[in-house]
Amino acid sequence: QVQLVESGGGLVQPGGSLRLSCAASSNIFYLAWYRQAPGKEREFVASMNWSGGGITYYSDSVKGRFSISRDNAKNTAHLQMVNLKIEDTGVYFCYVNSAGRQAWGQGTQVTVSD
């Protein structure tokens, strides 16, 4: 089973930046970030397909502010978040598919507040 370790969450002021990381124990074929805000269902944030040269997709709410990058040698992806808004607050989860094996990260808290 592929194992994931997430890191990078924290508390920032509106307009601030954070970079989340997701490190996998095996090669990543597909990776997605989801988040769950208080009182809301878990929602899709962004994704990347490794095989197509790193094609990415972003939800409308984060498009232009969030970006995914990857380090294939380290089986690691990063979610760079800039111009954070209060509504970005939530627990962020990394999801990975590795040749049919799937895993969720433990989640990392992102809080955007004054």
N, C-alpha and C. Protein backbone atom coordinates (compact mmCIF):
# COMPACT_ATOMS: atom_id res chain seq x y z
N GLN A 1 0.83 -1.18 0.00
CA GLN A 1 0.00 0.00 0.00
C GLN A 1 0.88 1.25 0.00
N VAL A 2 0.53 2.22 -0.82
CA VAL A 2 1.28 3.45 -0.86
C VAL A 2 0.97 4.26 0.40
N GLN A 3 2.01 4.86 0.96
CA GLN A 3 1.87 5.66 2.16
C GLN A 3 2.17 7.12 1.84
N LEU A 4 1.42 8.02 2.45
CA LEU A 4 1.56 9.45 2.20
C LEU A 4 1.85 10.18 3.49
N VAL A 5 2.69 11.18 3.39
CA VAL A 5 2.96 12.07 4.51
C VAL A 5 2.75 13.49 4.04
N GLU A 6 1.85 14.20 4.70
CA GLU A 6 1.56 15.59 4.37
C GLU A 6 2.22 16.52 5.38
N SER A 7 2.56 17.69 4.91
CA SER A 7 3.14 18.70 5.78
C SER A 7 2.92 20.07 5.17
N GLY A 8 3.18 21.10 5.95
CA GLY A 8 3.15 22.46 5.45
C GLY A 8 1.99 23.32 5.89
N GLY A 9 1.03 22.74 6.58
CA GLY A 9 -0.10 23.52 7.04
C GLY A 9 0.29 24.49 8.13
N GLY A 10 -0.60 25.41 8.41
CA GLY A 10 -0.32 26.39 9.43
C GLY A 10 -1.36 27.48 9.45
N LEU A 11 -1.08 28.52 10.20
CA LEU A 11 -1.96 29.68 10.33
C LEU A 11 -1.31 30.87 9.65
N VAL A 12 -2.05 31.51 8.75
CA VAL A 12 -1.55 32.68 8.05
C VAL A 12 -2.63 33.73 7.99
N GLN A 13 -2.22 34.96 7.77
CA GLN A 13 -3.17 36.05 7.58
C GLN A 13 -3.68 36.07 6.15
N PRO A 14 -4.85 36.64 5.92
CA PRO A 14 -5.32 36.77 4.54
C PRO A 14 -4.28 37.45 3.67
N GLY A 15 -4.10 36.91 2.47
CA GLY A 15 -3.08 37.41 1.57
C GLY A 15 -1.75 36.71 1.70
N GLY A 16 -1.61 35.88 2.71
CA GLY A 16 -0.38 35.16 2.93
C GLY A 16 -0.25 33.94 2.05
N SER A 17 0.85 33.21 2.25
CA SER A 17 1.16 32.06 1.42
C SER A 17 1.55 30.87 2.28
N LEU A 18 1.28 29.69 1.75
CA LEU A 18 1.72 28.44 2.35
C LEU A 18 2.05 27.47 1.23
N ARG A 19 2.93 26.54 1.53
CA ARG A 19 3.23 25.47 0.60
C ARG A 19 3.05 24.13 1.28
N LEU A 20 2.09 23.37 0.79
CA LEU A 20 1.84 22.04 1.31
C LEU A 20 2.65 21.02 0.53
N SER A 21 3.05 19.96 1.21
CA SER A 21 3.80 18.90 0.57
C SER A 21 3.13 17.57 0.80
N CYS A 22 3.24 16.70 -0.18
CA CYS A 22 2.72 15.35 -0.09
C CYS A 22 3.79 14.41 -0.62
N ALA A 23 4.35 13.61 0.26
CA ALA A 23 5.40 12.67 -0.10
C ALA A 23 4.85 11.26 -0.09
N ALA A 24 5.03 10.54 -1.18
CA ALA A 24 4.52 9.18 -1.33
C ALA A 24 5.65 8.17 -1.25
N SER A 25 5.29 6.96 -0.88
CA SER A 25 6.27 5.89 -0.75
C SER A 25 6.54 5.17 -2.06
N SER A 26 5.80 5.49 -3.11
CA SER A 26 6.01 4.89 -4.42
C SER A 26 5.64 5.90 -5.50
N ASN A 27 5.89 5.54 -6.75
CA ASN A 27 5.66 6.47 -7.86
C ASN A 27 4.21 6.90 -7.94
N ILE A 28 4.01 8.17 -8.18
CA ILE A 28 2.68 8.75 -8.27
C ILE A 28 2.22 8.76 -9.72
N PHE A 29 1.02 8.25 -9.95
CA PHE A 29 0.39 8.32 -11.25
C PHE A 29 -0.60 9.48 -11.32
N TYR A 30 -1.30 9.70 -10.23
CA TYR A 30 -2.30 10.75 -10.13
C TYR A 30 -2.31 11.26 -8.70
N LEU A 31 -2.43 12.56 -8.56
CA LEU A 31 -2.49 13.16 -7.24
C LEU A 31 -3.54 14.26 -7.23
N ALA A 32 -4.26 14.34 -6.15
CA ALA A 32 -5.26 15.39 -6.00
C ALA A 32 -5.24 15.92 -4.58
N TRP A 33 -5.58 17.17 -4.45
CA TRP A 33 -5.76 17.80 -3.15
C TRP A 33 -7.25 18.07 -2.94
N TYR A 34 -7.73 17.72 -1.78
CA TYR A 34 -9.08 18.03 -1.35
C TYR A 34 -8.99 18.81 -0.05
N ARG A 35 -10.05 19.50 0.26
CA ARG A 35 -10.10 20.19 1.54
C ARG A 35 -11.49 20.11 2.12
N GLN A 36 -11.55 20.22 3.43
CA GLN A 36 -12.82 20.18 4.12
C GLN A 36 -12.87 21.33 5.11
N ALA A 37 -13.74 22.28 4.82
CA ALA A 37 -13.92 23.42 5.70
C ALA A 37 -14.93 23.08 6.78
N PRO A 38 -14.91 23.80 7.89
CA PRO A 38 -15.87 23.53 8.96
C PRO A 38 -17.30 23.60 8.45
N GLY A 39 -18.07 22.56 8.74
CA GLY A 39 -19.46 22.53 8.34
C GLY A 39 -19.72 22.22 6.88
N LYS A 40 -18.69 21.88 6.13
CA LYS A 40 -18.84 21.60 4.72
C LYS A 40 -18.35 20.20 4.37
N GLU A 41 -18.78 19.72 3.21
CA GLU A 41 -18.29 18.46 2.70
C GLU A 41 -16.89 18.63 2.13
N ARG A 42 -16.17 17.53 2.05
CA ARG A 42 -14.86 17.57 1.44
C ARG A 42 -15.00 17.93 -0.04
N GLU A 43 -14.17 18.85 -0.51
CA GLU A 43 -14.27 19.32 -1.87
C GLU A 43 -12.94 19.23 -2.60
N PHE A 44 -13.03 19.07 -3.91
CA PHE A 44 -11.86 19.00 -4.76
C PHE A 44 -11.19 20.37 -4.84
N VAL A 45 -9.87 20.37 -4.82
CA VAL A 45 -9.10 21.60 -4.91
C VAL A 45 -8.26 21.64 -6.18
N ALA A 46 -7.44 20.61 -6.37
CA ALA A 46 -6.52 20.59 -7.50
C ALA A 46 -6.04 19.17 -7.74
N SER A 47 -5.56 18.91 -8.95
CA SER A 47 -5.05 17.58 -9.27
C SER A 47 -3.97 17.67 -10.34
N MET A 48 -3.20 16.60 -10.44
CA MET A 48 -2.18 16.49 -11.47
C MET A 48 -2.10 15.05 -11.93
N ASN A 49 -2.06 14.87 -13.26
CA ASN A 49 -1.78 13.58 -13.87
C ASN A 49 -0.32 13.55 -14.27
N TRP A 50 0.42 12.59 -13.73
CA TRP A 50 1.85 12.53 -13.98
C TRP A 50 2.20 12.11 -15.39
N SER A 51 1.45 11.17 -15.96
CA SER A 51 1.81 10.57 -17.24
C SER A 51 1.72 11.53 -18.42
N GLY A 52 0.88 12.51 -18.34
CA GLY A 52 0.68 13.45 -19.44
C GLY A 52 1.57 14.68 -19.38
N GLY A 53 2.66 14.59 -18.65
CA GLY A 53 3.55 15.72 -18.53
C GLY A 53 3.15 16.69 -17.43
N GLY A 54 2.27 16.23 -16.55
CA GLY A 54 1.89 17.06 -15.43
C GLY A 54 0.70 17.96 -15.68
N ILE A 55 -0.31 17.44 -16.37
CA ILE A 55 -1.52 18.22 -16.62
C ILE A 55 -2.24 18.44 -15.30
N THR A 56 -2.60 19.67 -15.05
CA THR A 56 -3.22 20.03 -13.79
C THR A 56 -4.64 20.55 -13.99
N TYR A 57 -5.42 20.42 -12.94
CA TYR A 57 -6.78 20.94 -12.89
C TYR A 57 -6.97 21.62 -11.56
N TYR A 58 -7.72 22.71 -11.57
CA TYR A 58 -7.96 23.47 -10.36
C TYR A 58 -9.42 23.84 -10.27
N SER A 59 -9.92 23.84 -9.07
CA SER A 59 -11.27 24.32 -8.86
C SER A 59 -11.32 25.82 -9.12
N ASP A 60 -12.49 26.30 -9.47
CA ASP A 60 -12.63 27.73 -9.78
C ASP A 60 -12.24 28.62 -8.61
N SER A 61 -12.48 28.15 -7.41
CA SER A 61 -12.22 28.96 -6.24
C SER A 61 -10.73 29.19 -5.97
N VAL A 62 -9.87 28.32 -6.50
CA VAL A 62 -8.44 28.46 -6.23
C VAL A 62 -7.63 28.74 -7.49
N LYS A 63 -8.25 28.68 -8.64
CA LYS A 63 -7.55 28.88 -9.90
C LYS A 63 -6.87 30.24 -9.92
N GLY A 64 -5.60 30.23 -10.31
CA GLY A 64 -4.82 31.46 -10.34
C GLY A 64 -4.10 31.76 -9.05
N ARG A 65 -4.43 31.06 -7.98
CA ARG A 65 -3.79 31.27 -6.69
C ARG A 65 -3.01 30.06 -6.21
N PHE A 66 -3.47 28.88 -6.57
CA PHE A 66 -2.82 27.63 -6.16
C PHE A 66 -2.14 27.00 -7.36
N SER A 67 -1.05 26.32 -7.14
CA SER A 67 -0.38 25.59 -8.21
C SER A 67 0.30 24.35 -7.66
N ILE A 68 0.27 23.29 -8.44
CA ILE A 68 0.91 22.03 -8.07
C ILE A 68 2.24 21.91 -8.81
N SER A 69 3.25 21.49 -8.09
CA SER A 69 4.52 21.14 -8.70
C SER A 69 4.92 19.75 -8.21
N ARG A 70 5.86 19.14 -8.90
CA ARG A 70 6.23 17.78 -8.56
C ARG A 70 7.74 17.57 -8.61
N ASP A 71 8.18 16.60 -7.84
CA ASP A 71 9.55 16.13 -7.87
C ASP A 71 9.47 14.62 -8.01
N ASN A 72 9.59 14.14 -9.25
CA ASN A 72 9.41 12.72 -9.52
C ASN A 72 10.42 11.84 -8.77
N ALA A 73 11.65 12.31 -8.68
CA ALA A 73 12.68 11.52 -8.02
C ALA A 73 12.37 11.28 -6.56
N LYS A 74 11.66 12.20 -5.94
CA LYS A 74 11.32 12.09 -4.53
C LYS A 74 9.88 11.67 -4.29
N ASN A 75 9.15 11.37 -5.37
CA ASN A 75 7.74 11.00 -5.26
C ASN A 75 6.98 12.00 -4.39
N THR A 76 7.21 13.26 -4.67
CA THR A 76 6.67 14.32 -3.86
C THR A 76 5.99 15.38 -4.72
N ALA A 77 4.90 15.91 -4.22
CA ALA A 77 4.22 17.01 -4.87
C ALA A 77 4.02 18.13 -3.87
N HIS A 78 3.93 19.33 -4.38
CA HIS A 78 3.72 20.51 -3.54
C HIS A 78 2.52 21.29 -4.05
N LEU A 79 1.78 21.83 -3.13
CA LEU A 79 0.69 22.72 -3.46
C LEU A 79 1.08 24.10 -2.95
N GLN A 80 1.48 24.97 -3.88
CA GLN A 80 1.83 26.33 -3.53
C GLN A 80 0.57 27.18 -3.50
N MET A 81 0.30 27.78 -2.37
CA MET A 81 -0.91 28.57 -2.19
C MET A 81 -0.50 30.00 -1.88
N VAL A 82 -0.97 30.91 -2.71
CA VAL A 82 -0.67 32.32 -2.51
C VAL A 82 -1.98 33.09 -2.42
N ASN A 83 -1.88 34.32 -1.92
CA ASN A 83 -3.05 35.16 -1.76
C ASN A 83 -4.19 34.41 -1.07
N LEU A 84 -3.86 33.79 0.03
CA LEU A 84 -4.84 32.98 0.74
C LEU A 84 -5.99 33.82 1.27
N LYS A 85 -7.16 33.24 1.23
CA LYS A 85 -8.38 33.89 1.69
C LYS A 85 -8.95 33.13 2.88
N ILE A 86 -9.79 33.80 3.64
CA ILE A 86 -10.40 33.18 4.80
C ILE A 86 -11.15 31.91 4.40
N GLU A 87 -11.79 31.94 3.25
CA GLU A 87 -12.55 30.78 2.80
C GLU A 87 -11.68 29.60 2.38
N ASP A 88 -10.37 29.78 2.35
CA ASP A 88 -9.47 28.67 2.08
C ASP A 88 -9.21 27.82 3.32
N THR A 89 -9.69 28.28 4.45
CA THR A 89 -9.49 27.57 5.70
C THR A 89 -10.11 26.17 5.65
N GLY A 90 -9.38 25.20 6.14
CA GLY A 90 -9.88 23.85 6.19
C GLY A 90 -8.76 22.85 6.37
N VAL A 91 -9.13 21.61 6.46
CA VAL A 91 -8.16 20.53 6.51
C VAL A 91 -7.90 20.06 5.08
N TYR A 92 -6.66 20.07 4.68
CA TYR A 92 -6.28 19.70 3.32
C TYR A 92 -5.76 18.27 3.30
N PHE A 93 -6.29 17.48 2.37
CA PHE A 93 -5.94 16.08 2.24
C PHE A 93 -5.33 15.82 0.88
N CYS A 94 -4.26 15.08 0.87
CA CYS A 94 -3.64 14.63 -0.36
C CYS A 94 -4.14 13.23 -0.70
N TYR A 95 -4.51 13.02 -1.95
CA TYR A 95 -4.93 11.71 -2.44
C TYR A 95 -3.99 11.29 -3.56
N VAL A 96 -3.54 10.05 -3.52
CA VAL A 96 -2.60 9.55 -4.52
C VAL A 96 -3.05 8.20 -5.05
N ASN A 97 -2.94 8.05 -6.36
CA ASN A 97 -3.09 6.76 -7.01
C ASN A 97 -1.72 6.38 -7.56
N SER A 98 -1.25 5.20 -7.16
CA SER A 98 0.04 4.70 -7.60
C SER A 98 -0.15 3.33 -8.22
N ALA A 99 -0.32 3.30 -9.55
CA ALA A 99 -0.52 2.05 -10.28
C ALA A 99 -1.64 1.21 -9.66
N GLY A 100 -2.75 1.85 -9.37
CA GLY A 100 -3.88 1.15 -8.81
C GLY A 100 -3.96 1.19 -7.30
N ARG A 101 -2.85 1.43 -6.65
CA ARG A 101 -2.86 1.57 -5.20
C ARG A 101 -3.23 3.00 -4.84
N GLN A 102 -4.11 3.15 -3.88
CA GLN A 102 -4.63 4.45 -3.51
C GLN A 102 -4.39 4.73 -2.03
N ALA A 103 -4.25 5.98 -1.72
CA ALA A 103 -4.06 6.36 -0.33
C ALA A 103 -4.45 7.81 -0.12
N TRP A 104 -4.85 8.10 1.07
CA TRP A 104 -5.12 9.46 1.53
C TRP A 104 -4.08 9.85 2.57
N GLY A 105 -3.65 11.09 2.51
CA GLY A 105 -2.78 11.61 3.54
C GLY A 105 -3.55 11.83 4.83
N GLN A 106 -2.81 12.13 5.88
CA GLN A 106 -3.43 12.29 7.19
C GLN A 106 -4.17 13.61 7.35
N GLY A 107 -3.96 14.52 6.43
CA GLY A 107 -4.57 15.83 6.50
C GLY A 107 -3.70 16.83 7.21
N THR A 108 -3.73 18.07 6.75
CA THR A 108 -2.99 19.13 7.40
C THR A 108 -3.87 20.38 7.47
N GLN A 109 -3.89 21.01 8.62
CA GLN A 109 -4.78 22.14 8.85
C GLN A 109 -4.22 23.42 8.26
N VAL A 110 -5.04 24.09 7.48
CA VAL A 110 -4.73 25.41 6.96
C VAL A 110 -5.75 26.39 7.53
N THR A 111 -5.27 27.37 8.25
CA THR A 111 -6.15 28.38 8.83
C THR A 111 -5.73 29.75 8.35
N VAL A 112 -6.66 30.45 7.73
CA VAL A 112 -6.42 31.80 7.24
C VAL A 112 -7.29 32.72 8.07
N SER A 113 -6.66 33.54 8.87
CA SER A 113 -7.39 34.37 9.81
C SER A 113 -6.56 35.57 10.22
N ASP A 114 -7.26 36.64 10.59
CA ASP A 114 -6.59 37.80 11.16
C ASP A 114 -6.20 37.54 12.60
